[in-house]
Amino acid sequence: MRRWKCVCAYDGTGFAGWQSQARGLAIQDVIEARLAAIFGRALRITGSGRTDAGVHALGQVFHFDAAWAHGEEKLLLALRSGLPPAIQIKSARPVQPSFHARFQATGKRYEYRLHLGDADPFTRPYCWTLFRPLDVGAMRAAAARLLGRHDFRAFTALNGPAREDTVRTLRRLDVIQRGAQLRIVCEGDGFLYKMVRSLVGALVSVGEGKLSAADLAAILASRRRTAAVQTAPAQGLFLMKVFYGHAHTR
């Protein structure tokens, strides 16, 4: 029996998110069905975390335990050959038995994609299309106010008790423009439920002139969710990379 670490990419458009669902419509369900076909028995995979319905990934990580005597390349080929085009296994390799895709993750990088103006039919399904100009300079100034270690309860859709830990370290929040395309790169030690989409929504409101950098700082300090913080649509969000310490990678 060996522990296997896999990196996968997926188009989340037609799925009910990452986490297994009773109706089998999640990405986890599809991958587990493929593993069951390969190994002849049910196998459970553990992901680095959930992504919501409609959210995409280029670097989601998961692990599973199974005996396989035919080498890494043949396992990768077997996994790839039976999955739908919307899911790609990018790598599969054995790791230490102590490796855990979720608990040993030290950080994640997300990217949110926006398009200013009418996006073409090949871009539109994977971005938030905005038909109004944005003040990108103001967005960058506001993003700088959110960096560091803070309580981000005001930027999550959590409905749990106030005692739940909502402190996170935001290491990077870059607003990058290239023509009509805008990317917001968000990197930190972990993210709360819908936190990235809430940060993006708030920055867009700043770009529209509805909120200021000072407003965002005040909302952050309040630790209270407000209607002024909109949640960006799911289709523009991509999980780009999951980070791990070197001791647990092989």
C-alpha atoms as a PDB file:
ATOM      1  CA  MET A   1       0.000   0.000   0.000  1.00  0.00           C
ATOM      2  CA  ARG A   2       1.374   3.404  -0.982  1.00  0.00           C
ATOM      3  CA  ARG A   3       0.182   6.967  -0.615  1.00  0.00           C
ATOM      4  CA  TRP A   4      -0.188   8.833  -3.895  1.00  0.00           C
ATOM      5  CA  LYS A   5      -0.163  12.582  -4.374  1.00  0.00           C
ATOM      6  CA  CYS A   6      -1.978  13.875  -7.461  1.00  0.00           C
ATOM      7  CA  VAL A   7      -2.322  17.331  -8.980  1.00  0.00           C
ATOM      8  CA  CYS A   8      -5.374  17.933 -11.140  1.00  0.00           C
ATOM      9  CA  ALA A   9      -7.000  20.633 -13.239  1.00  0.00           C
ATOM     10  CA  TYR A  10     -10.682  20.968 -13.991  1.00  0.00           C
ATOM     11  CA  ASP A  11     -13.309  23.108 -15.630  1.00  0.00           C
ATOM     12  CA  GLY A  12     -15.851  23.432 -12.839  1.00  0.00           C
ATOM     13  CA  THR A  13     -18.688  24.657 -15.071  1.00  0.00           C
ATOM     14  CA  GLY A  14     -20.729  21.458 -15.139  1.00  0.00           C
ATOM     15  CA  PHE A  15     -19.975  20.204 -11.633  1.00  0.00           C
ATOM     16  CA  ALA A  16     -21.438  20.706  -8.152  1.00  0.00           C
ATOM     17  CA  GLY A  17     -18.050  21.727  -6.788  1.00  0.00           C
ATOM     18  CA  TRP A  18     -15.173  19.571  -5.590  1.00  0.00           C
ATOM     19  CA  GLN A  19     -16.650  17.817  -2.565  1.00  0.00           C
ATOM     20  CA  SER A  20     -18.546  14.540  -3.020  1.00  0.00           C
ATOM     21  CA  GLN A  21     -22.315  14.888  -3.407  1.00  0.00           C
ATOM     22  CA  ALA A  22     -25.123  12.380  -2.827  1.00  0.00           C
ATOM     23  CA  ARG A  23     -26.020  12.569  -6.531  1.00  0.00           C
ATOM     24  CA  GLY A  24     -22.428  12.022  -7.634  1.00  0.00           C
ATOM     25  CA  LEU A  25     -22.149  15.326  -9.494  1.00  0.00           C
ATOM     26  CA  ALA A  26     -18.908  16.572  -7.887  1.00  0.00           C
ATOM     27  CA  ILE A  27     -15.383  16.367  -9.261  1.00  0.00           C
ATOM     28  CA  GLN A  28     -14.353  14.145  -6.347  1.00  0.00           C
ATOM     29  CA  ASP A  29     -17.092  11.656  -7.315  1.00  0.00           C
ATOM     30  CA  VAL A  30     -15.870  11.429 -10.905  1.00  0.00           C
ATOM     31  CA  ILE A  31     -12.243  10.856  -9.909  1.00  0.00           C
ATOM     32  CA  GLU A  32     -13.214   8.259  -7.298  1.00  0.00           C
ATOM     33  CA  ALA A  33     -15.314   6.412  -9.871  1.00  0.00           C
ATOM     34  CA  ARG A  34     -12.277   6.261 -12.175  1.00  0.00           C
ATOM     35  CA  LEU A  35     -10.073   4.961  -9.339  1.00  0.00           C
ATOM     36  CA  ALA A  36     -12.656   2.284  -8.515  1.00  0.00           C
ATOM     37  CA  ALA A  37     -12.567   1.140 -12.142  1.00  0.00           C
ATOM     38  CA  ILE A  38      -8.750   0.944 -12.062  1.00  0.00           C
ATOM     39  CA  PHE A  39      -8.344  -0.800  -8.698  1.00  0.00           C
ATOM     40  CA  GLY A  40     -11.554  -2.821  -8.612  1.00  0.00           C
ATOM     41  CA  ARG A  41     -12.661  -1.413  -5.274  1.00  0.00           C
ATOM     42  CA  ALA A  42     -13.923   1.844  -3.804  1.00  0.00           C
ATOM     43  CA  LEU A  43     -11.192   4.347  -2.970  1.00  0.00           C
ATOM     44  CA  ARG A  44     -11.609   7.649  -1.159  1.00  0.00           C
ATOM     45  CA  ILE A  45      -9.531  10.671  -2.105  1.00  0.00           C
ATOM     46  CA  THR A  46      -8.686  13.622   0.145  1.00  0.00           C
ATOM     47  CA  GLY A  47      -8.392  17.045  -1.459  1.00  0.00           C
ATOM     48  CA  SER A  48      -6.500  20.111  -0.292  1.00  0.00           C
ATOM     49  CA  GLY A  49      -9.858  21.813   0.193  1.00  0.00           C
ATOM     50  CA  ARG A  50     -13.199  22.440  -1.450  1.00  0.00           C
ATOM     51  CA  THR A  51     -14.007  24.571  -4.448  1.00  0.00           C
ATOM     52  CA  ASP A  52     -17.594  25.703  -4.981  1.00  0.00           C
ATOM     53  CA  ALA A  53     -19.861  24.853  -7.878  1.00  0.00           C
ATOM     54  CA  GLY A  54     -18.622  26.591 -11.025  1.00  0.00           C
ATOM     55  CA  VAL A  55     -15.105  27.294  -9.682  1.00  0.00           C
ATOM     56  CA  HIS A  56     -12.149  25.977 -11.684  1.00  0.00           C
ATOM     57  CA  ALA A  57      -8.678  24.694 -10.818  1.00  0.00           C
ATOM     58  CA  LEU A  58      -5.290  24.385 -12.458  1.00  0.00           C
ATOM     59  CA  GLY A  59      -3.513  23.040  -9.373  1.00  0.00           C
ATOM     60  CA  GLN A  60      -5.876  21.202  -7.028  1.00  0.00           C
ATOM     61  CA  VAL A  61      -4.097  18.516  -4.970  1.00  0.00           C
ATOM     62  CA  PHE A  62      -5.459  15.266  -3.565  1.00  0.00           C
ATOM     63  CA  HIS A  63      -4.093  12.031  -2.119  1.00  0.00           C
ATOM     64  CA  PHE A  64      -5.219   8.417  -1.844  1.00  0.00           C
ATOM     65  CA  ASP A  65      -3.815   5.095  -0.650  1.00  0.00           C
ATOM     66  CA  ALA A  66      -3.510   2.093  -2.969  1.00  0.00           C
ATOM     67  CA  ALA A  67      -1.126  -0.652  -4.020  1.00  0.00           C
ATOM     68  CA  TRP A  68       0.159  -0.158  -7.582  1.00  0.00           C
ATOM     69  CA  ALA A  69       3.083  -2.103  -9.028  1.00  0.00           C
ATOM     70  CA  HIS A  70       3.277  -0.672 -12.549  1.00  0.00           C
ATOM     71  CA  GLY A  71       5.012   2.674 -12.069  1.00  0.00           C
ATOM     72  CA  GLU A  72       3.930   6.297 -11.906  1.00  0.00           C
ATOM     73  CA  GLU A  73       3.536   6.842 -15.641  1.00  0.00           C
ATOM     74  CA  LYS A  74       1.184   3.902 -16.081  1.00  0.00           C
ATOM     75  CA  LEU A  75      -0.967   5.056 -13.165  1.00  0.00           C
ATOM     76  CA  LEU A  76      -1.148   8.539 -14.652  1.00  0.00           C
ATOM     77  CA  LEU A  77      -2.117   7.108 -18.040  1.00  0.00           C
ATOM     78  CA  ALA A  78      -4.788   4.890 -16.465  1.00  0.00           C
ATOM     79  CA  LEU A  79      -6.274   7.845 -14.600  1.00  0.00           C
ATOM     80  CA  ARG A  80      -6.289  10.129 -17.615  1.00  0.00           C
ATOM     81  CA  SER A  81      -7.751   7.637 -20.064  1.00  0.00           C
ATOM     82  CA  GLY A  82     -11.098   7.295 -18.308  1.00  0.00           C
ATOM     83  CA  LEU A  83     -11.879  10.831 -17.196  1.00  0.00           C
ATOM     84  CA  PRO A  84     -14.071  13.378 -19.002  1.00  0.00           C
ATOM     85  CA  PRO A  85     -12.316  16.179 -20.910  1.00  0.00           C
ATOM     86  CA  ALA A  86     -13.228  18.668 -18.174  1.00  0.00           C
ATOM     87  CA  ILE A  87     -10.906  16.923 -15.675  1.00  0.00           C
ATOM     88  CA  GLN A  88      -7.169  16.379 -16.166  1.00  0.00           C
ATOM     89  CA  ILE A  89      -4.773  14.594 -13.816  1.00  0.00           C
ATOM     90  CA  LYS A  90      -1.524  16.537 -14.261  1.00  0.00           C
ATOM     91  CA  SER A  91       0.708  14.350 -12.077  1.00  0.00           C
ATOM     92  CA  ALA A  92       0.564  11.280  -9.841  1.00  0.00           C
ATOM     93  CA  ARG A  93       3.479  10.165  -7.704  1.00  0.00           C
ATOM     94  CA  PRO A  94       4.179   8.279  -4.478  1.00  0.00           C
ATOM     95  CA  VAL A  95       4.840  10.312  -1.331  1.00  0.00           C
ATOM     96  CA  GLN A  96       5.571   9.653   2.314  1.00  0.00           C
ATOM     97  CA  PRO A  97       2.731   7.935   4.216  1.00  0.00           C
ATOM     98  CA  SER A  98       2.557  11.007   6.460  1.00  0.00           C
ATOM     99  CA  PHE A  99       1.632  13.340   3.581  1.00  0.00           C
ATOM    100  CA  HIS A 100      -1.848  14.861   3.866  1.00  0.00           C
ATOM    101  CA  ALA A 101      -3.222  16.998   1.026  1.00  0.00           C
ATOM    102  CA  ARG A 102      -5.325  19.162   3.320  1.00  0.00           C
ATOM    103  CA  PHE A 103      -3.655  19.340   6.719  1.00  0.00           C
ATOM    104  CA  GLN A 104      -0.114  19.866   5.431  1.00  0.00           C
ATOM    105  CA  ALA A 105      -0.965  22.594   2.930  1.00  0.00           C
ATOM    106  CA  THR A 106       0.879  25.773   3.925  1.00  0.00           C
ATOM    107  CA  GLY A 107      -0.900  28.103   1.522  1.00  0.00           C
ATOM    108  CA  LYS A 108      -2.871  28.534  -1.679  1.00  0.00           C
ATOM    109  CA  ARG A 109      -2.854  30.827  -4.663  1.00  0.00           C
ATOM    110  CA  TYR A 110      -6.060  31.792  -6.431  1.00  0.00           C
ATOM    111  CA  GLU A 111      -6.567  33.885  -9.533  1.00  0.00           C
ATOM    112  CA  TYR A 112      -9.759  35.719 -10.419  1.00  0.00           C
ATOM    113  CA  ARG A 113     -10.313  36.808 -14.010  1.00  0.00           C
ATOM    114  CA  LEU A 114     -12.358  39.800 -15.118  1.00  0.00           C
ATOM    115  CA  HIS A 115     -13.006  41.268 -18.559  1.00  0.00           C
ATOM    116  CA  LEU A 116     -13.819  44.917 -19.174  1.00  0.00           C
ATOM    117  CA  GLY A 117     -16.329  45.138 -21.987  1.00  0.00           C
ATOM    118  CA  ASP A 118     -17.923  42.428 -24.088  1.00  0.00           C
ATOM    119  CA  ALA A 119     -15.814  39.264 -23.824  1.00  0.00           C
ATOM    120  CA  ASP A 120     -15.744  36.817 -26.735  1.00  0.00           C
ATOM    121  CA  PRO A 121     -17.647  33.505 -26.460  1.00  0.00           C
ATOM    122  CA  PHE A 122     -14.458  31.609 -25.539  1.00  0.00           C
ATOM    123  CA  THR A 123     -13.548  33.997 -22.719  1.00  0.00           C
ATOM    124  CA  ARG A 124     -16.985  34.791 -21.281  1.00  0.00           C
ATOM    125  CA  PRO A 125     -17.576  31.439 -19.506  1.00  0.00           C
ATOM    126  CA  TYR A 126     -14.346  31.854 -17.499  1.00  0.00           C
ATOM    127  CA  CYS A 127     -14.480  35.440 -16.277  1.00  0.00           C
ATOM    128  CA  TRP A 128     -16.671  38.121 -14.746  1.00  0.00           C
ATOM    129  CA  THR A 129     -17.660  40.407 -17.618  1.00  0.00           C
ATOM    130  CA  LEU A 130     -18.072  44.042 -16.578  1.00  0.00           C
ATOM    131  CA  PHE A 131     -19.601  46.629 -18.896  1.00  0.00           C
ATOM    132  CA  ARG A 132     -18.386  49.608 -16.877  1.00  0.00           C
ATOM    133  CA  PRO A 133     -14.932  51.130 -16.385  1.00  0.00           C
ATOM    134  CA  LEU A 134     -12.926  50.423 -13.230  1.00  0.00           C
ATOM    135  CA  ASP A 135     -10.395  52.611 -11.430  1.00  0.00           C
ATOM    136  CA  VAL A 136      -7.586  50.050 -11.289  1.00  0.00           C
ATOM    137  CA  GLY A 137      -5.317  52.383  -9.311  1.00  0.00           C
ATOM    138  CA  ALA A 138      -7.925  52.692  -6.566  1.00  0.00           C
ATOM    139  CA  MET A 139      -8.355  48.915  -6.535  1.00  0.00           C
ATOM    140  CA  ARG A 140      -4.601  48.441  -6.041  1.00  0.00           C
ATOM    141  CA  ALA A 141      -4.519  50.961  -3.203  1.00  0.00           C
ATOM    142  CA  ALA A 142      -7.435  49.203  -1.494  1.00  0.00           C
ATOM    143  CA  ALA A 143      -5.831  45.786  -1.974  1.00  0.00           C
ATOM    144  CA  ALA A 144      -2.717  46.991  -0.168  1.00  0.00           C
ATOM    145  CA  ARG A 145      -4.838  47.799   2.905  1.00  0.00           C
ATOM    146  CA  LEU A 146      -5.943  44.162   3.154  1.00  0.00           C
ATOM    147  CA  LEU A 147      -2.509  42.537   3.127  1.00  0.00           C
ATOM    148  CA  GLY A 148      -1.150  40.914   6.266  1.00  0.00           C
ATOM    149  CA  ARG A 149      -2.654  38.925   9.118  1.00  0.00           C
ATOM    150  CA  HIS A 150      -6.235  39.949   9.919  1.00  0.00           C
ATOM    151  CA  ASP A 151      -9.587  38.626  11.006  1.00  0.00           C
ATOM    152  CA  PHE A 152     -11.400  38.276   7.661  1.00  0.00           C
ATOM    153  CA  ARG A 153     -14.859  37.456   9.049  1.00  0.00           C
ATOM    154  CA  ALA A 154     -16.322  40.429   7.141  1.00  0.00           C
ATOM    155  CA  PHE A 155     -15.143  38.862   3.868  1.00  0.00           C
ATOM    156  CA  THR A 156     -16.601  35.380   4.238  1.00  0.00           C
ATOM    157  CA  ALA A 157     -20.033  33.846   3.791  1.00  0.00           C
ATOM    158  CA  LEU A 158     -19.619  31.729   6.939  1.00  0.00           C
ATOM    159  CA  ASN A 159     -22.769  31.424   9.017  1.00  0.00           C
ATOM    160  CA  GLY A 160     -21.076  29.653  11.926  1.00  0.00           C
ATOM    161  CA  PRO A 161     -20.530  30.896  15.484  1.00  0.00           C
ATOM    162  CA  ALA A 162     -18.450  34.004  16.082  1.00  0.00           C
ATOM    163  CA  ARG A 163     -15.893  31.918  17.985  1.00  0.00           C
ATOM    164  CA  GLU A 164     -14.850  30.157  14.767  1.00  0.00           C
ATOM    165  CA  ASP A 165     -11.298  31.083  13.778  1.00  0.00           C
ATOM    166  CA  THR A 166     -11.436  33.548  10.881  1.00  0.00           C
ATOM    167  CA  VAL A 167      -7.889  34.930  11.151  1.00  0.00           C
ATOM    168  CA  ARG A 168      -5.817  34.453   8.015  1.00  0.00           C
ATOM    169  CA  THR A 169      -2.597  35.853   6.544  1.00  0.00           C
ATOM    170  CA  LEU A 170      -2.981  37.404   3.107  1.00  0.00           C
ATOM    171  CA  ARG A 171       0.471  37.474   1.516  1.00  0.00           C
ATOM    172  CA  ARG A 172      -0.459  38.704  -1.925  1.00  0.00           C
ATOM    173  CA  LEU A 173      -3.393  40.595  -3.455  1.00  0.00           C
ATOM    174  CA  ASP A 174      -2.329  41.912  -6.857  1.00  0.00           C
ATOM    175  CA  VAL A 175      -4.518  43.618  -9.426  1.00  0.00           C
ATOM    176  CA  ILE A 176      -2.948  43.041 -12.849  1.00  0.00           C
ATOM    177  CA  GLN A 177      -4.302  44.649 -16.025  1.00  0.00           C
ATOM    178  CA  ARG A 178      -3.505  43.710 -19.584  1.00  0.00           C
ATOM    179  CA  GLY A 179      -5.769  45.540 -21.992  1.00  0.00           C
ATOM    180  CA  ALA A 180      -9.362  44.583 -21.295  1.00  0.00           C
ATOM    181  CA  GLN A 181      -8.311  41.661 -19.127  1.00  0.00           C
ATOM    182  CA  LEU A 182      -7.934  42.046 -15.396  1.00  0.00           C
ATOM    183  CA  ARG A 183      -6.502  39.418 -13.038  1.00  0.00           C
ATOM    184  CA  ILE A 184      -6.649  39.519  -9.255  1.00  0.00           C
ATOM    185  CA  VAL A 185      -4.055  37.193  -7.741  1.00  0.00           C
ATOM    186  CA  CYS A 186      -4.694  36.220  -4.142  1.00  0.00           C
ATOM    187  CA  GLU A 187      -2.249  34.191  -2.065  1.00  0.00           C
ATOM    188  CA  GLY A 188      -2.352  33.340   1.618  1.00  0.00           C
ATOM    189  CA  ASP A 189      -1.979  30.688   4.272  1.00  0.00           C
ATOM    190  CA  GLY A 190      -5.628  29.685   3.897  1.00  0.00           C
ATOM    191  CA  PHE A 191      -9.006  31.034   2.842  1.00  0.00           C
ATOM    192  CA  LEU A 192     -12.475  31.107   4.360  1.00  0.00           C
ATOM    193  CA  TYR A 193     -15.701  30.133   2.599  1.00  0.00           C
ATOM    194  CA  LYS A 194     -16.127  32.446  -0.422  1.00  0.00           C
ATOM    195  CA  MET A 195     -13.395  34.736   0.926  1.00  0.00           C
ATOM    196  CA  VAL A 196     -11.585  35.237  -2.390  1.00  0.00           C
ATOM    197  CA  ARG A 197     -14.808  35.986  -4.253  1.00  0.00           C
ATOM    198  CA  SER A 198     -15.781  38.450  -1.498  1.00  0.00           C
ATOM    199  CA  LEU A 199     -12.419  40.221  -1.690  1.00  0.00           C
ATOM    200  CA  VAL A 200     -12.775  40.465  -5.470  1.00  0.00           C
ATOM    201  CA  GLY A 201     -16.326  41.761  -5.193  1.00  0.00           C
ATOM    202  CA  ALA A 202     -15.212  44.421  -2.711  1.00  0.00           C
ATOM    203  CA  LEU A 203     -12.308  45.496  -4.931  1.00  0.00           C
ATOM    204  CA  VAL A 204     -14.645  45.795  -7.926  1.00  0.00           C
ATOM    205  CA  SER A 205     -16.907  48.042  -5.832  1.00  0.00           C
ATOM    206  CA  VAL A 206     -13.850  50.199  -5.118  1.00  0.00           C
ATOM    207  CA  GLY A 207     -13.073  50.290  -8.837  1.00  0.00           C
ATOM    208  CA  GLU A 208     -16.624  51.444  -9.512  1.00  0.00           C
ATOM    209  CA  GLY A 209     -16.352  54.221  -6.937  1.00  0.00           C
ATOM    210  CA  LYS A 210     -18.926  52.668  -4.587  1.00  0.00           C
ATOM    211  CA  LEU A 211     -16.372  52.002  -1.848  1.00  0.00           C
ATOM    212  CA  SER A 212     -13.003  53.518  -0.911  1.00  0.00           C
ATOM    213  CA  ALA A 213      -9.825  51.954   0.449  1.00  0.00           C
ATOM    214  CA  ALA A 214     -10.756  53.434   3.841  1.00  0.00           C
ATOM    215  CA  ASP A 215     -14.195  51.813   3.600  1.00  0.00           C
ATOM    216  CA  LEU A 216     -12.595  48.396   3.030  1.00  0.00           C
ATOM    217  CA  ALA A 217     -10.270  48.908   5.994  1.00  0.00           C
ATOM    218  CA  ALA A 218     -13.267  49.836   8.162  1.00  0.00           C
ATOM    219  CA  ILE A 219     -15.265  46.798   6.972  1.00  0.00           C
ATOM    220  CA  LEU A 220     -12.280  44.551   7.734  1.00  0.00           C
ATOM    221  CA  ALA A 221     -11.947  46.016  11.246  1.00  0.00           C
ATOM    222  CA  SER A 222     -15.692  45.650  11.921  1.00  0.00           C
ATOM    223  CA  ARG A 223     -15.591  41.841  11.524  1.00  0.00           C
ATOM    224  CA  ARG A 224     -19.183  42.078  10.255  1.00  0.00           C
ATOM    225  CA  ARG A 225     -20.464  41.032   6.859  1.00  0.00           C
ATOM    226  CA  THR A 226     -22.241  43.862   5.083  1.00  0.00           C
ATOM    227  CA  ALA A 227     -24.322  44.092   1.924  1.00  0.00           C
ATOM    228  CA  ALA A 228     -21.679  46.493   0.607  1.00  0.00           C
ATOM    229  CA  VAL A 229     -19.424  43.453   0.031  1.00  0.00           C
ATOM    230  CA  GLN A 230     -20.665  41.624  -3.050  1.00  0.00           C
ATOM    231  CA  THR A 231     -19.628  38.079  -3.920  1.00  0.00           C
ATOM    232  CA  ALA A 232     -18.009  37.791  -7.344  1.00  0.00           C
ATOM    233  CA  PRO A 233     -19.469  35.107  -9.669  1.00  0.00           C
ATOM    234  CA  ALA A 234     -17.953  31.631  -9.423  1.00  0.00           C
ATOM    235  CA  GLN A 235     -16.939  31.239 -13.064  1.00  0.00           C
ATOM    236  CA  GLY A 236     -14.034  33.709 -12.839  1.00  0.00           C
ATOM    237  CA  LEU A 237     -12.232  31.933  -9.986  1.00  0.00           C
ATOM    238  CA  PHE A 238      -9.308  29.516 -10.440  1.00  0.00           C
ATOM    239  CA  LEU A 239      -7.352  27.598  -7.807  1.00  0.00           C
ATOM    240  CA  MET A 240      -3.851  27.931  -9.230  1.00  0.00           C
ATOM    241  CA  LYS A 241      -1.512  26.285  -6.739  1.00  0.00           C
ATOM    242  CA  VAL A 242      -1.372  24.606  -3.336  1.00  0.00           C
ATOM    243  CA  PHE A 243       1.838  25.021  -1.344  1.00  0.00           C
ATOM    244  CA  TYR A 244       3.479  22.405   0.897  1.00  0.00           C
ATOM    245  CA  GLY A 245       6.611  22.220   3.023  1.00  0.00           C
ATOM    246  CA  HIS A 246       9.517  20.303   1.444  1.00  0.00           C
ATOM    247  CA  ALA A 247       9.472  17.617   4.136  1.00  0.00           C
ATOM    248  CA  HIS A 248       6.159  16.266   2.938  1.00  0.00           C
ATOM    249  CA  THR A 249       6.525  16.352  -0.837  1.00  0.00           C
ATOM    250  CA  ARG A 250       8.209  13.040  -1.498  1.00  0.00           C
END
